[in-house]
Protein backbone atom coordinates (compact mmCIF):
# COMPACT_ATOMS: atom_id res chain seq x y z
CA MET A 1 0.31 -0.05 -0.25
CA SER A 2 1.37 3.51 -0.91
CA ASP A 3 1.33 6.32 1.41
CA LEU A 4 -1.02 7.86 -0.11
CA ALA A 5 -3.58 4.93 0.32
CA SER A 6 -3.36 4.84 4.11
CA LYS A 7 -3.85 8.58 4.82
CA LYS A 8 -7.62 9.62 4.88
CA CYS A 9 -9.09 12.21 2.11
CA VAL A 10 -9.93 15.63 4.12
CA PRO A 11 -13.22 17.21 3.47
CA CYS A 12 -12.66 20.78 1.16
CA GLU A 13 -14.38 23.82 2.15
CA GLY A 14 -12.84 25.94 -0.28
CA GLY A 15 -10.81 28.99 -0.10
CA ASP A 16 -7.87 27.37 -0.29
CA PRO A 17 -5.85 26.87 -3.67
CA PRO A 18 -5.30 24.02 -5.64
CA LEU A 19 -1.74 22.42 -5.26
CA ALA A 20 1.20 23.92 -7.52
CA ARG A 21 3.22 22.67 -9.78
CA ASP A 22 5.85 20.76 -8.14
CA LYS A 23 3.94 19.43 -6.07
CA VAL A 24 1.63 17.54 -8.48
CA GLU A 25 4.06 15.99 -10.20
CA GLU A 26 5.77 14.97 -6.51
CA LEU A 27 2.13 13.33 -6.08
CA ILE A 28 1.89 11.68 -9.46
CA ASN A 29 4.76 9.96 -9.01
CA LYS A 30 2.73 8.52 -5.97
CA VAL A 31 0.03 7.10 -8.20
CA ASP A 32 0.90 4.17 -10.43
CA GLY A 33 -0.96 4.67 -14.07
CA TRP A 34 -1.77 8.24 -13.65
CA ASN A 35 -1.14 11.12 -15.40
CA LEU A 36 -2.05 14.29 -16.21
CA THR A 37 -4.65 16.03 -18.44
CA GLU A 38 -7.17 18.11 -18.96
CA ASP A 39 -9.45 15.49 -20.48
CA GLY A 40 -13.23 13.87 -18.72
CA VAL A 41 -14.05 10.17 -18.23
CA CYS A 42 -14.55 8.30 -20.60
CA PHE A 43 -15.86 4.99 -20.27
CA THR A 44 -15.51 1.87 -22.65
CA TRP A 45 -16.52 -2.09 -22.32
CA GLY A 46 -14.22 -3.15 -20.31
CA LYS A 47 -11.97 0.21 -19.10
CA MET A 48 -12.67 3.06 -17.35
CA ASP A 49 -11.06 6.13 -17.31
CA VAL A 50 -11.38 8.31 -14.57
CA THR A 51 -10.73 12.21 -14.35
CA LEU A 52 -10.18 13.37 -11.27
CA TRP A 53 -10.08 17.29 -9.29
CA THR A 54 -11.37 18.98 -6.37
CA HIS A 55 -14.39 21.54 -7.50
CA ALA A 56 -13.85 23.83 -4.29
CA VAL A 57 -9.99 24.29 -5.13
CA GLY A 58 -10.52 24.83 -8.90
CA GLY A 59 -7.95 22.05 -9.76
CA LEU A 60 -5.87 19.61 -7.91
CA SER A 61 -5.39 18.83 -4.04
CA GLU A 62 -4.10 15.90 -2.27
CA SER A 63 -7.10 14.30 -1.26
CA ASP A 64 -7.63 13.64 -5.68
CA PHE A 65 -3.99 11.62 -5.00
CA ILE A 66 -5.60 9.84 -2.30
CA LEU A 67 -8.25 8.57 -3.55
CA ALA A 68 -5.94 7.38 -6.69
CA ALA A 69 -4.14 5.94 -4.47
CA LYS A 70 -7.03 4.23 -3.11
CA ILE A 71 -8.71 3.49 -6.25
CA ASP A 72 -5.43 1.68 -7.38
CA MET A 73 -5.76 -1.35 -4.41
CA LEU A 74 -9.63 -1.82 -6.00
CA GLU A 75 -9.11 -5.65 -7.73
CA THR A 76 -10.42 -6.40 -10.74
């Protein structure tokens, strides 16, 4: 289990800025198979693409990366 997967998401009330680009690049390297993109959610037969971001901050928060790590733990 990654260190991100062991953390708990923190509710966001807004007002906080999105993560800085350097922090995003640090965290994206901790979740296997995820990458940065501007695309949305796409469902196809046998495949699912998910886009995560925090609406309240208008970008990415640490909780988005925690959720990605938890999704990675799901059995296929």
